[in-house]
Amino acid sequence: QVQLVESGGGVVQPGGSLRLSCTASGSISSHVTMAWYRQVPGGQRDLVGFVSSAFTDYVDSVKGRFTISRDNARNTMYLQMNSLKPEDTAVYFCFCDGSWGQGTQVTVSS
């Protein structure tokens, strides 16, 4: 299984931006689909969006604000988050081929 490490989380004001990275221990080029999830305390881990070889898709609450991309040469997937809202506060996880990263905290607060 691939090992995943997220980075890029932090504290940002409403309306701000962050870019999360998910770097894999090995090549991701053979993994067709990778995804981002998020989880709030006491809640379930919810899908944010995914990227495949053909397209990306997102949950309605982040459409138009979040963008997922991948760089197979760097074995890295990204989550660009713009126009952040307090309700985006969560721990963000990446997922690939049955493996999860450790998560990175995103806090949106004034």
N, C-alpha and C. Protein backbone atom coordinates (compact mmCIF):
# COMPACT_ATOMS: atom_id res chain seq x y z
N GLN A 1 0.83 -1.19 0.00
CA GLN A 1 0.00 0.00 0.00
C GLN A 1 0.87 1.25 0.00
N VAL A 2 0.37 2.27 -0.63
CA VAL A 2 1.08 3.53 -0.66
C VAL A 2 0.93 4.23 0.68
N GLN A 3 1.97 4.94 1.12
CA GLN A 3 1.91 5.76 2.33
C GLN A 3 1.72 7.21 1.94
N LEU A 4 0.86 7.90 2.66
CA LEU A 4 0.47 9.26 2.30
C LEU A 4 0.75 10.23 3.43
N VAL A 5 1.24 11.41 3.09
CA VAL A 5 1.51 12.44 4.09
C VAL A 5 0.91 13.75 3.61
N GLU A 6 -0.02 14.30 4.42
CA GLU A 6 -0.61 15.58 4.10
C GLU A 6 0.18 16.72 4.74
N SER A 7 0.12 17.88 4.12
CA SER A 7 0.72 19.08 4.67
C SER A 7 -0.02 20.30 4.15
N GLY A 8 0.25 21.45 4.78
CA GLY A 8 -0.32 22.70 4.29
C GLY A 8 -1.47 23.25 5.09
N GLY A 9 -1.89 22.53 6.11
CA GLY A 9 -2.98 23.04 6.93
C GLY A 9 -2.54 24.23 7.77
N GLY A 10 -3.51 24.87 8.41
CA GLY A 10 -3.20 26.01 9.25
C GLY A 10 -4.45 26.78 9.61
N VAL A 11 -4.23 27.98 10.12
CA VAL A 11 -5.32 28.87 10.51
C VAL A 11 -5.42 29.99 9.50
N VAL A 12 -6.62 30.25 9.02
CA VAL A 12 -6.82 31.28 8.00
C VAL A 12 -8.13 32.00 8.31
N GLN A 13 -8.20 33.26 7.93
CA GLN A 13 -9.43 34.03 8.14
C GLN A 13 -10.47 33.67 7.08
N PRO A 14 -11.73 33.87 7.38
CA PRO A 14 -12.77 33.65 6.36
C PRO A 14 -12.47 34.45 5.10
N GLY A 15 -12.67 33.80 3.97
CA GLY A 15 -12.34 34.40 2.69
C GLY A 15 -10.93 34.14 2.22
N GLY A 16 -10.12 33.56 3.07
CA GLY A 16 -8.74 33.28 2.72
C GLY A 16 -8.57 31.99 1.94
N SER A 17 -7.31 31.66 1.68
CA SER A 17 -6.98 30.48 0.87
C SER A 17 -5.90 29.66 1.55
N LEU A 18 -5.93 28.38 1.24
CA LEU A 18 -4.88 27.45 1.65
C LEU A 18 -4.71 26.42 0.54
N ARG A 19 -3.50 25.88 0.44
CA ARG A 19 -3.28 24.76 -0.46
C ARG A 19 -2.72 23.59 0.33
N LEU A 20 -3.44 22.49 0.30
CA LEU A 20 -2.99 21.27 0.96
C LEU A 20 -2.28 20.39 -0.06
N SER A 21 -1.30 19.66 0.43
CA SER A 21 -0.57 18.69 -0.40
C SER A 21 -0.69 17.31 0.22
N CYS A 22 -0.70 16.32 -0.63
CA CYS A 22 -0.70 14.92 -0.21
C CYS A 22 0.38 14.23 -1.02
N THR A 23 1.47 13.87 -0.35
CA THR A 23 2.60 13.27 -1.03
C THR A 23 2.66 11.78 -0.71
N ALA A 24 2.80 10.99 -1.76
CA ALA A 24 2.82 9.53 -1.62
C ALA A 24 4.25 9.01 -1.55
N SER A 25 4.40 7.85 -0.89
CA SER A 25 5.73 7.26 -0.74
C SER A 25 6.23 6.66 -2.04
N GLY A 26 5.32 6.38 -2.95
CA GLY A 26 5.71 5.81 -4.22
C GLY A 26 4.95 6.46 -5.35
N SER A 27 5.08 5.87 -6.50
CA SER A 27 4.43 6.43 -7.67
C SER A 27 2.90 6.39 -7.53
N ILE A 28 2.27 7.48 -7.90
CA ILE A 28 0.80 7.51 -7.89
C ILE A 28 0.23 7.35 -9.30
N SER A 29 1.10 7.26 -10.27
CA SER A 29 0.61 7.25 -11.65
C SER A 29 -0.27 6.05 -11.95
N SER A 30 -0.07 4.96 -11.21
CA SER A 30 -0.87 3.76 -11.46
C SER A 30 -2.19 3.77 -10.68
N HIS A 31 -2.33 4.73 -9.78
CA HIS A 31 -3.56 4.82 -8.99
C HIS A 31 -4.52 5.77 -9.70
N VAL A 32 -5.58 5.21 -10.21
CA VAL A 32 -6.46 6.00 -11.06
C VAL A 32 -7.13 7.12 -10.29
N THR A 33 -7.62 6.81 -9.10
CA THR A 33 -8.41 7.78 -8.36
C THR A 33 -7.79 8.08 -7.00
N MET A 34 -7.72 9.36 -6.67
CA MET A 34 -7.31 9.82 -5.36
C MET A 34 -8.36 10.80 -4.87
N ALA A 35 -8.45 10.91 -3.55
CA ALA A 35 -9.55 11.72 -3.00
C ALA A 35 -9.12 12.48 -1.77
N TRP A 36 -9.87 13.54 -1.50
CA TRP A 36 -9.75 14.29 -0.25
C TRP A 36 -11.03 14.11 0.56
N TYR A 37 -10.85 13.92 1.85
CA TYR A 37 -11.96 13.84 2.79
C TYR A 37 -11.71 14.85 3.91
N ARG A 38 -12.74 15.12 4.70
CA ARG A 38 -12.56 15.95 5.88
C ARG A 38 -13.45 15.44 7.00
N GLN A 39 -13.01 15.75 8.21
CA GLN A 39 -13.72 15.25 9.39
C GLN A 39 -13.66 16.30 10.50
N VAL A 40 -14.83 16.56 11.09
CA VAL A 40 -14.91 17.44 12.24
C VAL A 40 -15.00 16.59 13.50
N PRO A 41 -14.64 17.14 14.67
CA PRO A 41 -14.71 16.35 15.90
C PRO A 41 -16.09 15.76 16.12
N GLY A 42 -16.14 14.46 16.37
CA GLY A 42 -17.41 13.80 16.60
C GLY A 42 -18.19 13.47 15.35
N GLY A 43 -17.64 13.84 14.20
CA GLY A 43 -18.34 13.59 12.95
C GLY A 43 -17.71 12.48 12.14
N GLN A 44 -18.35 12.16 11.05
CA GLN A 44 -17.81 11.13 10.17
C GLN A 44 -16.87 11.77 9.15
N ARG A 45 -16.10 10.93 8.52
CA ARG A 45 -15.17 11.42 7.50
C ARG A 45 -15.95 11.54 6.19
N ASP A 46 -16.05 12.75 5.70
CA ASP A 46 -16.87 13.04 4.52
C ASP A 46 -16.01 13.35 3.30
N LEU A 47 -16.46 12.88 2.17
CA LEU A 47 -15.78 13.16 0.91
C LEU A 47 -15.85 14.64 0.58
N VAL A 48 -14.72 15.20 0.17
CA VAL A 48 -14.66 16.57 -0.34
C VAL A 48 -14.66 16.55 -1.86
N GLY A 49 -13.85 15.69 -2.43
CA GLY A 49 -13.76 15.58 -3.87
C GLY A 49 -12.73 14.55 -4.26
N PHE A 50 -12.68 14.24 -5.54
CA PHE A 50 -11.72 13.25 -6.02
C PHE A 50 -11.21 13.64 -7.41
N VAL A 51 -10.08 13.06 -7.75
CA VAL A 51 -9.49 13.26 -9.07
C VAL A 51 -9.18 11.89 -9.66
N SER A 52 -9.59 11.71 -10.89
CA SER A 52 -9.26 10.49 -11.61
C SER A 52 -8.42 10.88 -12.82
N SER A 53 -8.16 9.90 -13.67
CA SER A 53 -7.39 10.21 -14.87
C SER A 53 -8.18 11.05 -15.85
N ALA A 54 -9.50 11.06 -15.69
CA ALA A 54 -10.34 11.73 -16.68
C ALA A 54 -10.98 13.01 -16.18
N PHE A 55 -11.27 13.09 -14.89
CA PHE A 55 -12.02 14.24 -14.41
C PHE A 55 -11.90 14.38 -12.89
N THR A 56 -12.39 15.50 -12.41
CA THR A 56 -12.51 15.73 -10.97
C THR A 56 -13.98 16.01 -10.65
N ASP A 57 -14.33 15.79 -9.40
CA ASP A 57 -15.67 16.12 -8.95
C ASP A 57 -15.62 16.47 -7.48
N TYR A 58 -16.62 17.22 -7.03
CA TYR A 58 -16.62 17.76 -5.68
C TYR A 58 -18.02 17.69 -5.09
N VAL A 59 -18.06 17.72 -3.78
CA VAL A 59 -19.36 17.87 -3.14
C VAL A 59 -19.85 19.29 -3.37
N ASP A 60 -21.17 19.46 -3.33
CA ASP A 60 -21.75 20.74 -3.67
C ASP A 60 -21.24 21.89 -2.80
N SER A 61 -20.97 21.60 -1.54
CA SER A 61 -20.60 22.66 -0.60
C SER A 61 -19.25 23.31 -0.92
N VAL A 62 -18.42 22.67 -1.75
CA VAL A 62 -17.11 23.24 -2.06
C VAL A 62 -16.95 23.56 -3.55
N LYS A 63 -17.94 23.20 -4.35
CA LYS A 63 -17.83 23.47 -5.80
C LYS A 63 -17.66 24.96 -6.06
N GLY A 64 -16.72 25.26 -6.95
CA GLY A 64 -16.45 26.65 -7.27
C GLY A 64 -15.44 27.30 -6.35
N ARG A 65 -15.11 26.64 -5.23
CA ARG A 65 -14.15 27.19 -4.28
C ARG A 65 -12.90 26.33 -4.15
N PHE A 66 -13.07 25.02 -4.25
CA PHE A 66 -11.95 24.09 -4.07
C PHE A 66 -11.57 23.48 -5.42
N THR A 67 -10.27 23.22 -5.59
CA THR A 67 -9.79 22.58 -6.80
C THR A 67 -8.78 21.49 -6.44
N ILE A 68 -9.02 20.29 -6.95
CA ILE A 68 -8.10 19.18 -6.75
C ILE A 68 -7.28 19.00 -8.02
N SER A 69 -5.99 18.79 -7.82
CA SER A 69 -5.11 18.49 -8.94
C SER A 69 -4.09 17.46 -8.50
N ARG A 70 -3.38 16.91 -9.46
CA ARG A 70 -2.35 15.92 -9.12
C ARG A 70 -1.16 16.11 -10.04
N ASP A 71 0.01 15.85 -9.49
CA ASP A 71 1.26 15.91 -10.24
C ASP A 71 1.90 14.54 -10.10
N ASN A 72 1.71 13.71 -11.09
CA ASN A 72 2.22 12.34 -10.99
C ASN A 72 3.75 12.31 -10.91
N ALA A 73 4.40 13.27 -11.53
CA ALA A 73 5.87 13.30 -11.50
C ALA A 73 6.40 13.56 -10.09
N ARG A 74 5.60 14.27 -9.29
CA ARG A 74 5.98 14.56 -7.90
C ARG A 74 5.26 13.66 -6.90
N ASN A 75 4.48 12.70 -7.42
CA ASN A 75 3.71 11.80 -6.54
C ASN A 75 2.87 12.57 -5.54
N THR A 76 2.27 13.65 -5.97
CA THR A 76 1.57 14.55 -5.07
C THR A 76 0.21 14.95 -5.63
N MET A 77 -0.76 14.99 -4.73
CA MET A 77 -2.09 15.52 -5.03
C MET A 77 -2.27 16.79 -4.22
N TYR A 78 -2.99 17.74 -4.78
CA TYR A 78 -3.19 19.03 -4.12
C TYR A 78 -4.68 19.31 -3.93
N LEU A 79 -4.95 20.14 -2.93
CA LEU A 79 -6.29 20.68 -2.73
C LEU A 79 -6.15 22.18 -2.52
N GLN A 80 -6.50 22.94 -3.56
CA GLN A 80 -6.50 24.39 -3.46
C GLN A 80 -7.84 24.84 -2.94
N MET A 81 -7.83 25.53 -1.81
CA MET A 81 -9.07 25.95 -1.16
C MET A 81 -9.12 27.47 -1.13
N ASN A 82 -10.10 28.04 -1.80
CA ASN A 82 -10.30 29.48 -1.84
C ASN A 82 -11.62 29.85 -1.18
N SER A 83 -11.76 31.13 -0.88
CA SER A 83 -13.01 31.63 -0.27
C SER A 83 -13.44 30.76 0.91
N LEU A 84 -12.49 30.48 1.78
CA LEU A 84 -12.76 29.57 2.90
C LEU A 84 -13.79 30.14 3.85
N LYS A 85 -14.58 29.24 4.41
CA LYS A 85 -15.64 29.58 5.35
C LYS A 85 -15.39 28.88 6.68
N PRO A 86 -15.94 29.41 7.77
CA PRO A 86 -15.76 28.73 9.06
C PRO A 86 -16.21 27.27 9.03
N GLU A 87 -17.22 26.97 8.23
CA GLU A 87 -17.70 25.59 8.16
C GLU A 87 -16.77 24.66 7.41
N ASP A 88 -15.71 25.19 6.83
CA ASP A 88 -14.68 24.35 6.20
C ASP A 88 -13.67 23.85 7.24
N THR A 89 -13.78 24.34 8.46
CA THR A 89 -12.87 23.90 9.52
C THR A 89 -13.02 22.40 9.76
N ALA A 90 -11.91 21.69 9.66
CA ALA A 90 -11.92 20.22 9.80
C ALA A 90 -10.49 19.72 9.71
N VAL A 91 -10.33 18.44 9.98
CA VAL A 91 -9.09 17.75 9.63
C VAL A 91 -9.28 17.17 8.24
N TYR A 92 -8.33 17.46 7.37
CA TYR A 92 -8.41 17.02 5.99
C TYR A 92 -7.48 15.83 5.77
N PHE A 93 -8.03 14.80 5.11
CA PHE A 93 -7.29 13.57 4.85
C PHE A 93 -7.25 13.29 3.36
N CYS A 94 -6.16 12.72 2.91
CA CYS A 94 -6.15 12.21 1.54
C CYS A 94 -6.27 10.69 1.58
N PHE A 95 -6.78 10.16 0.47
CA PHE A 95 -7.06 8.73 0.37
C PHE A 95 -6.63 8.23 -1.00
N CYS A 96 -5.98 7.06 -0.98
CA CYS A 96 -5.55 6.46 -2.24
C CYS A 96 -5.37 4.96 -2.04
N ASP A 97 -6.07 4.19 -2.85
CA ASP A 97 -5.87 2.75 -2.89
C ASP A 97 -5.90 2.10 -1.50
N GLY A 98 -6.89 2.48 -0.70
CA GLY A 98 -7.05 1.87 0.61
C GLY A 98 -6.22 2.49 1.72
N SER A 99 -5.40 3.47 1.41
CA SER A 99 -4.53 4.10 2.41
C SER A 99 -5.00 5.51 2.72
N TRP A 100 -4.83 5.87 4.00
CA TRP A 100 -5.15 7.21 4.47
C TRP A 100 -3.87 7.90 4.95
N GLY A 101 -3.82 9.22 4.78
CA GLY A 101 -2.79 9.99 5.43
C GLY A 101 -3.16 10.23 6.88
N GLN A 102 -2.29 10.97 7.59
CA GLN A 102 -2.52 11.23 9.01
C GLN A 102 -3.44 12.42 9.25
N GLY A 103 -3.67 13.20 8.23
CA GLY A 103 -4.57 14.34 8.33
C GLY A 103 -3.83 15.63 8.62
N THR A 104 -4.42 16.73 8.20
CA THR A 104 -3.87 18.06 8.48
C THR A 104 -5.02 18.97 8.86
N GLN A 105 -4.84 19.73 9.94
CA GLN A 105 -5.91 20.57 10.48
C GLN A 105 -6.04 21.86 9.69
N VAL A 106 -7.26 22.18 9.32
CA VAL A 106 -7.59 23.46 8.71
C VAL A 106 -8.59 24.17 9.62
N THR A 107 -8.25 25.37 10.04
CA THR A 107 -9.12 26.16 10.90
C THR A 107 -9.40 27.49 10.23
N VAL A 108 -10.67 27.79 10.02
CA VAL A 108 -11.08 29.04 9.41
C VAL A 108 -11.78 29.87 10.48
N SER A 109 -11.12 30.94 10.89
CA SER A 109 -11.65 31.71 12.02
C SER A 109 -11.12 33.14 11.95
N SER A 110 -11.96 34.07 12.37
CA SER A 110 -11.53 35.47 12.44
C SER A 110 -10.99 35.78 13.84
